[in-house]
């Protein structure tokens, strides 16, 4: 009986939140911001501690329903690092895998075996109506700008050398390239009036430096 009571309470809470989101996009944006902020304060975990989802076809739009559910039930895998892109004012947690729960909080890794500073480190994120949350700021990114990653121990600095629009099926862009240490960032490239765009913004950078995370470099991610 007690379990049924709390299940009903949760269902009612989700319904109320969901109805609110339908009529007020600002609430949805607020909840996404709060989920991101909360995740950034958590302790970094190692990849081996978590299982990830790398099925691109399972990724859903950031709808009011999914946002409402995730604001109550945390199904994210745990933060494995952070990304900072000062030029576009982007600071997000990085999660292992591209589950919907992960992508509503920050960036998700696109391959199971990738490591920062090695190969082609690929991250995906949602492009939202609000230009300031999740991967939306990447729309303003320019070639030559610096992007920083951290795994909680080191800071990896990349300089962007490529920006282009690609089709969602061009997944070969995340493949490793021999003798190159790359960062690949991918988000939707919205088309006015089209609900599910087939286009993606692709940004790629080359590794410039690896340094220990210290008091000064930590500020990049705070």
C-alpha atoms as a PDB file:
ATOM      1  CA  UNK A   1       0.000   0.000   0.000  1.00  0.00           C
ATOM      2  CA  UNK A   2       2.742   2.423   0.938  1.00  0.00           C
ATOM      3  CA  UNK A   3       4.627   1.758  -2.299  1.00  0.00           C
ATOM      4  CA  UNK A   4       1.456   2.343  -4.352  1.00  0.00           C
ATOM      5  CA  UNK A   5       0.874   5.642  -2.550  1.00  0.00           C
ATOM      6  CA  UNK A   6       4.316   6.973  -3.406  1.00  0.00           C
ATOM      7  CA  UNK A   7       4.017   5.698  -6.980  1.00  0.00           C
ATOM      8  CA  UNK A   8       0.775   7.651  -7.389  1.00  0.00           C
ATOM      9  CA  UNK A   9       2.345  10.737  -5.828  1.00  0.00           C
ATOM     10  CA  UNK A  10       5.246  10.528  -8.270  1.00  0.00           C
ATOM     11  CA  UNK A  11       2.872  10.098 -11.210  1.00  0.00           C
ATOM     12  CA  UNK A  12       0.888  13.167 -10.151  1.00  0.00           C
ATOM     13  CA  UNK A  13       4.075  15.190  -9.697  1.00  0.00           C
ATOM     14  CA  UNK A  14       5.295  14.227 -13.174  1.00  0.00           C
ATOM     15  CA  UNK A  15       1.925  15.120 -14.659  1.00  0.00           C
ATOM     16  CA  UNK A  16       1.909  18.538 -13.028  1.00  0.00           C
ATOM     17  CA  UNK A  17       5.457  19.243 -14.135  1.00  0.00           C
ATOM     18  CA  UNK A  18       4.725  17.984 -17.644  1.00  0.00           C
ATOM     19  CA  UNK A  19       1.652  20.198 -17.999  1.00  0.00           C
ATOM     20  CA  UNK A  20       3.634  23.167 -16.781  1.00  0.00           C
ATOM     21  CA  UNK A  21       6.356  22.531 -19.331  1.00  0.00           C
ATOM     22  CA  UNK A  22       3.857  22.370 -22.174  1.00  0.00           C
ATOM     23  CA  UNK A  23       2.700  25.891 -21.426  1.00  0.00           C
ATOM     24  CA  UNK A  24       5.963  27.421 -20.264  1.00  0.00           C
ATOM     25  CA  UNK A  25       9.248  26.787 -22.058  1.00  0.00           C
ATOM     26  CA  UNK A  26      11.035  28.832 -19.421  1.00  0.00           C
ATOM     27  CA  UNK A  27      10.331  26.119 -16.858  1.00  0.00           C
ATOM     28  CA  UNK A  28      11.884  23.507 -19.155  1.00  0.00           C
ATOM     29  CA  UNK A  29      14.978  25.655 -19.616  1.00  0.00           C
ATOM     30  CA  UNK A  30      15.222  26.197 -15.867  1.00  0.00           C
ATOM     31  CA  UNK A  31      15.046  22.476 -15.140  1.00  0.00           C
ATOM     32  CA  UNK A  32      17.742  21.687 -17.736  1.00  0.00           C
ATOM     33  CA  UNK A  33      19.989  24.384 -16.249  1.00  0.00           C
ATOM     34  CA  UNK A  34      19.452  22.993 -12.762  1.00  0.00           C
ATOM     35  CA  UNK A  35      20.221  19.429 -13.857  1.00  0.00           C
ATOM     36  CA  UNK A  36      23.425  20.675 -15.492  1.00  0.00           C
ATOM     37  CA  UNK A  37      24.423  22.748 -12.469  1.00  0.00           C
ATOM     38  CA  UNK A  38      23.764  19.884 -10.077  1.00  0.00           C
ATOM     39  CA  UNK A  39      25.763  17.444 -12.198  1.00  0.00           C
ATOM     40  CA  UNK A  40      28.749  19.812 -12.343  1.00  0.00           C
ATOM     41  CA  UNK A  41      28.992  19.734  -8.550  1.00  0.00           C
ATOM     42  CA  UNK A  42      29.170  15.942  -8.371  1.00  0.00           C
ATOM     43  CA  UNK A  43      32.324  13.908  -7.984  1.00  0.00           C
ATOM     44  CA  UNK A  44      33.959  12.638 -11.158  1.00  0.00           C
ATOM     45  CA  UNK A  45      33.668   8.867 -11.633  1.00  0.00           C
ATOM     46  CA  UNK A  46      35.785   6.529 -13.736  1.00  0.00           C
ATOM     47  CA  UNK A  47      34.439   5.023 -16.939  1.00  0.00           C
ATOM     48  CA  UNK A  48      34.889   1.469 -15.692  1.00  0.00           C
ATOM     49  CA  UNK A  49      32.322   2.097 -12.967  1.00  0.00           C
ATOM     50  CA  UNK A  50      29.482   2.804 -15.373  1.00  0.00           C
ATOM     51  CA  UNK A  51      27.726   1.206 -18.327  1.00  0.00           C
ATOM     52  CA  UNK A  52      26.953   3.410 -21.301  1.00  0.00           C
ATOM     53  CA  UNK A  53      24.433   3.518 -24.135  1.00  0.00           C
ATOM     54  CA  UNK A  54      25.893   4.240 -27.571  1.00  0.00           C
ATOM     55  CA  UNK A  55      22.851   3.550 -29.747  1.00  0.00           C
ATOM     56  CA  UNK A  56      22.381   6.768 -31.746  1.00  0.00           C
ATOM     57  CA  UNK A  57      18.893   5.691 -32.848  1.00  0.00           C
ATOM     58  CA  UNK A  58      17.615   5.750 -29.263  1.00  0.00           C
ATOM     59  CA  UNK A  59      18.364   9.440 -28.777  1.00  0.00           C
ATOM     60  CA  UNK A  60      15.125  11.422 -28.438  1.00  0.00           C
ATOM     61  CA  UNK A  61      14.313  15.097 -28.643  1.00  0.00           C
ATOM     62  CA  UNK A  62      14.516  17.048 -25.414  1.00  0.00           C
ATOM     63  CA  UNK A  63      10.740  17.178 -24.988  1.00  0.00           C
ATOM     64  CA  UNK A  64       8.809  18.525 -22.021  1.00  0.00           C
ATOM     65  CA  UNK A  65       7.909  14.971 -21.026  1.00  0.00           C
ATOM     66  CA  UNK A  66      11.488  13.692 -20.906  1.00  0.00           C
ATOM     67  CA  UNK A  67      12.684  16.827 -19.121  1.00  0.00           C
ATOM     68  CA  UNK A  68       9.937  16.471 -16.509  1.00  0.00           C
ATOM     69  CA  UNK A  69      10.772  12.818 -15.919  1.00  0.00           C
ATOM     70  CA  UNK A  70      14.503  13.394 -15.590  1.00  0.00           C
ATOM     71  CA  UNK A  71      14.025  16.322 -13.216  1.00  0.00           C
ATOM     72  CA  UNK A  72      12.466  13.833 -10.772  1.00  0.00           C
ATOM     73  CA  UNK A  73      14.240  10.563 -11.614  1.00  0.00           C
ATOM     74  CA  UNK A  74      17.988  10.811 -12.186  1.00  0.00           C
ATOM     75  CA  UNK A  75      19.028   8.124 -14.685  1.00  0.00           C
ATOM     76  CA  UNK A  76      22.329   9.670 -15.760  1.00  0.00           C
ATOM     77  CA  UNK A  77      25.434   7.473 -15.667  1.00  0.00           C
ATOM     78  CA  UNK A  78      27.578   9.825 -13.595  1.00  0.00           C
ATOM     79  CA  UNK A  79      29.962  12.606 -14.626  1.00  0.00           C
ATOM     80  CA  UNK A  80      33.295  11.399 -16.051  1.00  0.00           C
ATOM     81  CA  UNK A  81      34.673  14.851 -16.851  1.00  0.00           C
ATOM     82  CA  UNK A  82      33.865  18.389 -17.914  1.00  0.00           C
ATOM     83  CA  UNK A  83      34.048  20.520 -21.050  1.00  0.00           C
ATOM     84  CA  UNK A  84      34.702  24.256 -21.069  1.00  0.00           C
ATOM     85  CA  UNK A  85      34.436  26.473 -24.158  1.00  0.00           C
ATOM     86  CA  UNK A  86      35.045  30.030 -22.895  1.00  0.00           C
ATOM     87  CA  UNK A  87      34.523  31.761 -26.270  1.00  0.00           C
ATOM     88  CA  UNK A  88      30.849  30.716 -26.338  1.00  0.00           C
ATOM     89  CA  UNK A  89      30.319  30.558 -22.557  1.00  0.00           C
ATOM     90  CA  UNK A  90      29.806  26.785 -22.417  1.00  0.00           C
ATOM     91  CA  UNK A  91      30.539  24.684 -19.329  1.00  0.00           C
ATOM     92  CA  UNK A  92      29.037  21.217 -19.118  1.00  0.00           C
ATOM     93  CA  UNK A  93      29.521  17.850 -17.451  1.00  0.00           C
ATOM     94  CA  UNK A  94      30.614  14.936 -19.659  1.00  0.00           C
ATOM     95  CA  UNK A  95      28.853  11.593 -19.286  1.00  0.00           C
ATOM     96  CA  UNK A  96      29.679   8.106 -20.491  1.00  0.00           C
ATOM     97  CA  UNK A  97      27.337   7.353 -23.388  1.00  0.00           C
ATOM     98  CA  UNK A  98      24.567   9.206 -25.169  1.00  0.00           C
ATOM     99  CA  UNK A  99      21.526   8.119 -23.191  1.00  0.00           C
ATOM    100  CA  UNK A 100      18.668  10.612 -23.093  1.00  0.00           C
ATOM    101  CA  UNK A 101      19.271  11.156 -19.379  1.00  0.00           C
ATOM    102  CA  UNK A 102      22.905  12.090 -20.031  1.00  0.00           C
ATOM    103  CA  UNK A 103      22.126  14.456 -22.905  1.00  0.00           C
ATOM    104  CA  UNK A 104      19.573  16.403 -20.849  1.00  0.00           C
ATOM    105  CA  UNK A 105      22.368  17.318 -18.433  1.00  0.00           C
ATOM    106  CA  UNK A 106      25.440  17.800 -20.597  1.00  0.00           C
ATOM    107  CA  UNK A 107      27.608  16.152 -23.234  1.00  0.00           C
ATOM    108  CA  UNK A 108      27.779  12.420 -23.914  1.00  0.00           C
ATOM    109  CA  UNK A 109      30.676  10.356 -25.227  1.00  0.00           C
ATOM    110  CA  UNK A 110      29.950   8.791 -28.621  1.00  0.00           C
ATOM    111  CA  UNK A 111      32.298   5.782 -28.413  1.00  0.00           C
ATOM    112  CA  UNK A 112      32.786   3.258 -25.628  1.00  0.00           C
ATOM    113  CA  UNK A 113      36.574   3.081 -25.652  1.00  0.00           C
ATOM    114  CA  UNK A 114      37.621   6.708 -26.201  1.00  0.00           C
ATOM    115  CA  UNK A 115      39.989   8.561 -23.880  1.00  0.00           C
ATOM    116  CA  UNK A 116      40.716  12.254 -23.498  1.00  0.00           C
ATOM    117  CA  UNK A 117      43.893  13.272 -25.280  1.00  0.00           C
ATOM    118  CA  UNK A 118      43.912  10.152 -27.446  1.00  0.00           C
ATOM    119  CA  UNK A 119      42.446   9.290 -30.842  1.00  0.00           C
ATOM    120  CA  UNK A 120      39.272  11.129 -31.821  1.00  0.00           C
ATOM    121  CA  UNK A 121      37.417  12.066 -28.624  1.00  0.00           C
ATOM    122  CA  UNK A 122      33.818  12.588 -29.773  1.00  0.00           C
ATOM    123  CA  UNK A 123      31.034  14.280 -27.810  1.00  0.00           C
ATOM    124  CA  UNK A 124      27.370  14.833 -28.674  1.00  0.00           C
ATOM    125  CA  UNK A 125      24.870  17.224 -27.125  1.00  0.00           C
ATOM    126  CA  UNK A 126      21.394  18.665 -27.599  1.00  0.00           C
ATOM    127  CA  UNK A 127      20.735  21.928 -29.446  1.00  0.00           C
ATOM    128  CA  UNK A 128      17.877  23.683 -27.625  1.00  0.00           C
ATOM    129  CA  UNK A 129      15.607  26.644 -28.381  1.00  0.00           C
ATOM    130  CA  UNK A 130      17.441  28.501 -25.642  1.00  0.00           C
ATOM    131  CA  UNK A 131      20.808  29.483 -27.179  1.00  0.00           C
ATOM    132  CA  UNK A 132      22.588  29.376 -23.823  1.00  0.00           C
ATOM    133  CA  UNK A 133      22.010  25.802 -22.606  1.00  0.00           C
ATOM    134  CA  UNK A 134      23.519  22.394 -23.373  1.00  0.00           C
ATOM    135  CA  UNK A 135      25.271  22.370 -26.801  1.00  0.00           C
ATOM    136  CA  UNK A 136      23.256  25.312 -28.193  1.00  0.00           C
ATOM    137  CA  UNK A 137      26.207  27.757 -27.770  1.00  0.00           C
ATOM    138  CA  UNK A 138      28.168  25.738 -30.370  1.00  0.00           C
ATOM    139  CA  UNK A 139      26.152  27.573 -33.033  1.00  0.00           C
ATOM    140  CA  UNK A 140      28.411  30.569 -32.287  1.00  0.00           C
ATOM    141  CA  UNK A 141      31.710  28.635 -32.336  1.00  0.00           C
ATOM    142  CA  UNK A 142      34.488  29.687 -34.720  1.00  0.00           C
ATOM    143  CA  UNK A 143      37.603  28.053 -36.088  1.00  0.00           C
ATOM    144  CA  UNK A 144      40.676  28.955 -34.034  1.00  0.00           C
ATOM    145  CA  UNK A 145      38.937  29.012 -30.664  1.00  0.00           C
ATOM    146  CA  UNK A 146      40.081  26.864 -27.731  1.00  0.00           C
ATOM    147  CA  UNK A 147      38.111  24.102 -26.029  1.00  0.00           C
ATOM    148  CA  UNK A 148      39.157  22.518 -22.734  1.00  0.00           C
ATOM    149  CA  UNK A 149      38.388  19.074 -21.320  1.00  0.00           C
ATOM    150  CA  UNK A 150      39.201  17.641 -17.921  1.00  0.00           C
ATOM    151  CA  UNK A 151      38.922  14.180 -16.422  1.00  0.00           C
ATOM    152  CA  UNK A 152      39.417  15.573 -12.925  1.00  0.00           C
ATOM    153  CA  UNK A 153      43.177  15.058 -13.046  1.00  0.00           C
ATOM    154  CA  UNK A 154      44.423  16.688 -16.237  1.00  0.00           C
ATOM    155  CA  UNK A 155      43.334  19.465 -18.605  1.00  0.00           C
ATOM    156  CA  UNK A 156      43.328  18.814 -22.354  1.00  0.00           C
ATOM    157  CA  UNK A 157      43.437  21.872 -24.622  1.00  0.00           C
ATOM    158  CA  UNK A 158      42.158  21.656 -28.205  1.00  0.00           C
ATOM    159  CA  UNK A 159      42.103  24.323 -30.926  1.00  0.00           C
ATOM    160  CA  UNK A 160      39.253  24.183 -33.439  1.00  0.00           C
ATOM    161  CA  UNK A 161      40.333  23.795 -37.061  1.00  0.00           C
ATOM    162  CA  UNK A 162      37.068  22.732 -38.702  1.00  0.00           C
ATOM    163  CA  UNK A 163      33.420  23.739 -38.652  1.00  0.00           C
ATOM    164  CA  UNK A 164      30.927  22.332 -41.133  1.00  0.00           C
ATOM    165  CA  UNK A 165      27.382  21.050 -41.536  1.00  0.00           C
ATOM    166  CA  UNK A 166      27.009  17.317 -42.040  1.00  0.00           C
ATOM    167  CA  UNK A 167      24.192  14.787 -42.407  1.00  0.00           C
ATOM    168  CA  UNK A 168      23.223  12.738 -39.339  1.00  0.00           C
ATOM    169  CA  UNK A 169      24.307   9.564 -41.147  1.00  0.00           C
ATOM    170  CA  UNK A 170      27.931  10.695 -41.577  1.00  0.00           C
ATOM    171  CA  UNK A 171      29.040   8.873 -38.445  1.00  0.00           C
ATOM    172  CA  UNK A 172      32.496   8.194 -39.868  1.00  0.00           C
ATOM    173  CA  UNK A 173      33.509  11.654 -38.615  1.00  0.00           C
ATOM    174  CA  UNK A 174      33.966  10.201 -35.132  1.00  0.00           C
ATOM    175  CA  UNK A 175      36.382   7.504 -36.270  1.00  0.00           C
ATOM    176  CA  UNK A 176      39.996   7.664 -35.126  1.00  0.00           C
ATOM    177  CA  UNK A 177      42.573   8.947 -37.611  1.00  0.00           C
ATOM    178  CA  UNK A 178      46.100   7.503 -37.354  1.00  0.00           C
ATOM    179  CA  UNK A 179      48.618   9.787 -35.635  1.00  0.00           C
ATOM    180  CA  UNK A 180      46.023  12.473 -34.874  1.00  0.00           C
ATOM    181  CA  UNK A 181      44.639  13.526 -31.496  1.00  0.00           C
ATOM    182  CA  UNK A 182      41.286  15.146 -32.111  1.00  0.00           C
ATOM    183  CA  UNK A 183      38.188  16.471 -30.395  1.00  0.00           C
ATOM    184  CA  UNK A 184      34.881  16.169 -32.251  1.00  0.00           C
ATOM    185  CA  UNK A 185      31.746  18.005 -31.086  1.00  0.00           C
ATOM    186  CA  UNK A 186      28.368  17.294 -32.697  1.00  0.00           C
ATOM    187  CA  UNK A 187      24.944  18.856 -32.196  1.00  0.00           C
ATOM    188  CA  UNK A 188      21.805  19.393 -34.272  1.00  0.00           C
ATOM    189  CA  UNK A 189      21.747  22.155 -36.889  1.00  0.00           C
ATOM    190  CA  UNK A 190      18.107  23.299 -36.679  1.00  0.00           C
ATOM    191  CA  UNK A 191      16.005  23.922 -39.785  1.00  0.00           C
ATOM    192  CA  UNK A 192      13.108  26.377 -39.250  1.00  0.00           C
ATOM    193  CA  UNK A 193       9.790  24.529 -39.316  1.00  0.00           C
ATOM    194  CA  UNK A 194      11.377  21.064 -39.271  1.00  0.00           C
ATOM    195  CA  UNK A 195      10.824  19.060 -36.072  1.00  0.00           C
ATOM    196  CA  UNK A 196      13.660  16.561 -36.502  1.00  0.00           C
ATOM    197  CA  UNK A 197      16.484  17.995 -38.557  1.00  0.00           C
ATOM    198  CA  UNK A 198      18.762  15.576 -40.458  1.00  0.00           C
ATOM    199  CA  UNK A 199      21.628  18.072 -40.250  1.00  0.00           C
ATOM    200  CA  UNK A 200      24.374  18.343 -37.645  1.00  0.00           C
ATOM    201  CA  UNK A 201      26.933  20.983 -36.709  1.00  0.00           C
ATOM    202  CA  UNK A 202      30.402  19.414 -36.671  1.00  0.00           C
ATOM    203  CA  UNK A 203      33.309  21.028 -34.852  1.00  0.00           C
ATOM    204  CA  UNK A 204      36.761  19.466 -34.729  1.00  0.00           C
ATOM    205  CA  UNK A 205      39.879  20.488 -32.863  1.00  0.00           C
ATOM    206  CA  UNK A 206      43.450  19.293 -32.544  1.00  0.00           C
ATOM    207  CA  UNK A 207      45.132  18.615 -29.215  1.00  0.00           C
ATOM    208  CA  UNK A 208      47.466  21.459 -28.255  1.00  0.00           C
ATOM    209  CA  UNK A 209      48.473  20.729 -24.682  1.00  0.00           C
ATOM    210  CA  UNK A 210      47.985  18.385 -21.738  1.00  0.00           C
ATOM    211  CA  UNK A 211      48.575  19.767 -18.245  1.00  0.00           C
ATOM    212  CA  UNK A 212      47.773  18.873 -14.665  1.00  0.00           C
ATOM    213  CA  UNK A 213      44.540  20.237 -13.239  1.00  0.00           C
ATOM    214  CA  UNK A 214      45.549  22.877 -10.689  1.00  0.00           C
ATOM    215  CA  UNK A 215      43.968  25.789  -8.857  1.00  0.00           C
ATOM    216  CA  UNK A 216      44.305  28.082 -11.874  1.00  0.00           C
ATOM    217  CA  UNK A 217      43.075  25.741 -14.611  1.00  0.00           C
ATOM    218  CA  UNK A 218      40.245  24.505 -12.381  1.00  0.00           C
ATOM    219  CA  UNK A 219      38.625  27.934 -12.778  1.00  0.00           C
ATOM    220  CA  UNK A 220      37.967  27.140 -16.430  1.00  0.00           C
ATOM    221  CA  UNK A 221      35.351  24.617 -15.349  1.00  0.00           C
ATOM    222  CA  UNK A 222      33.750  26.489 -12.433  1.00  0.00           C
END
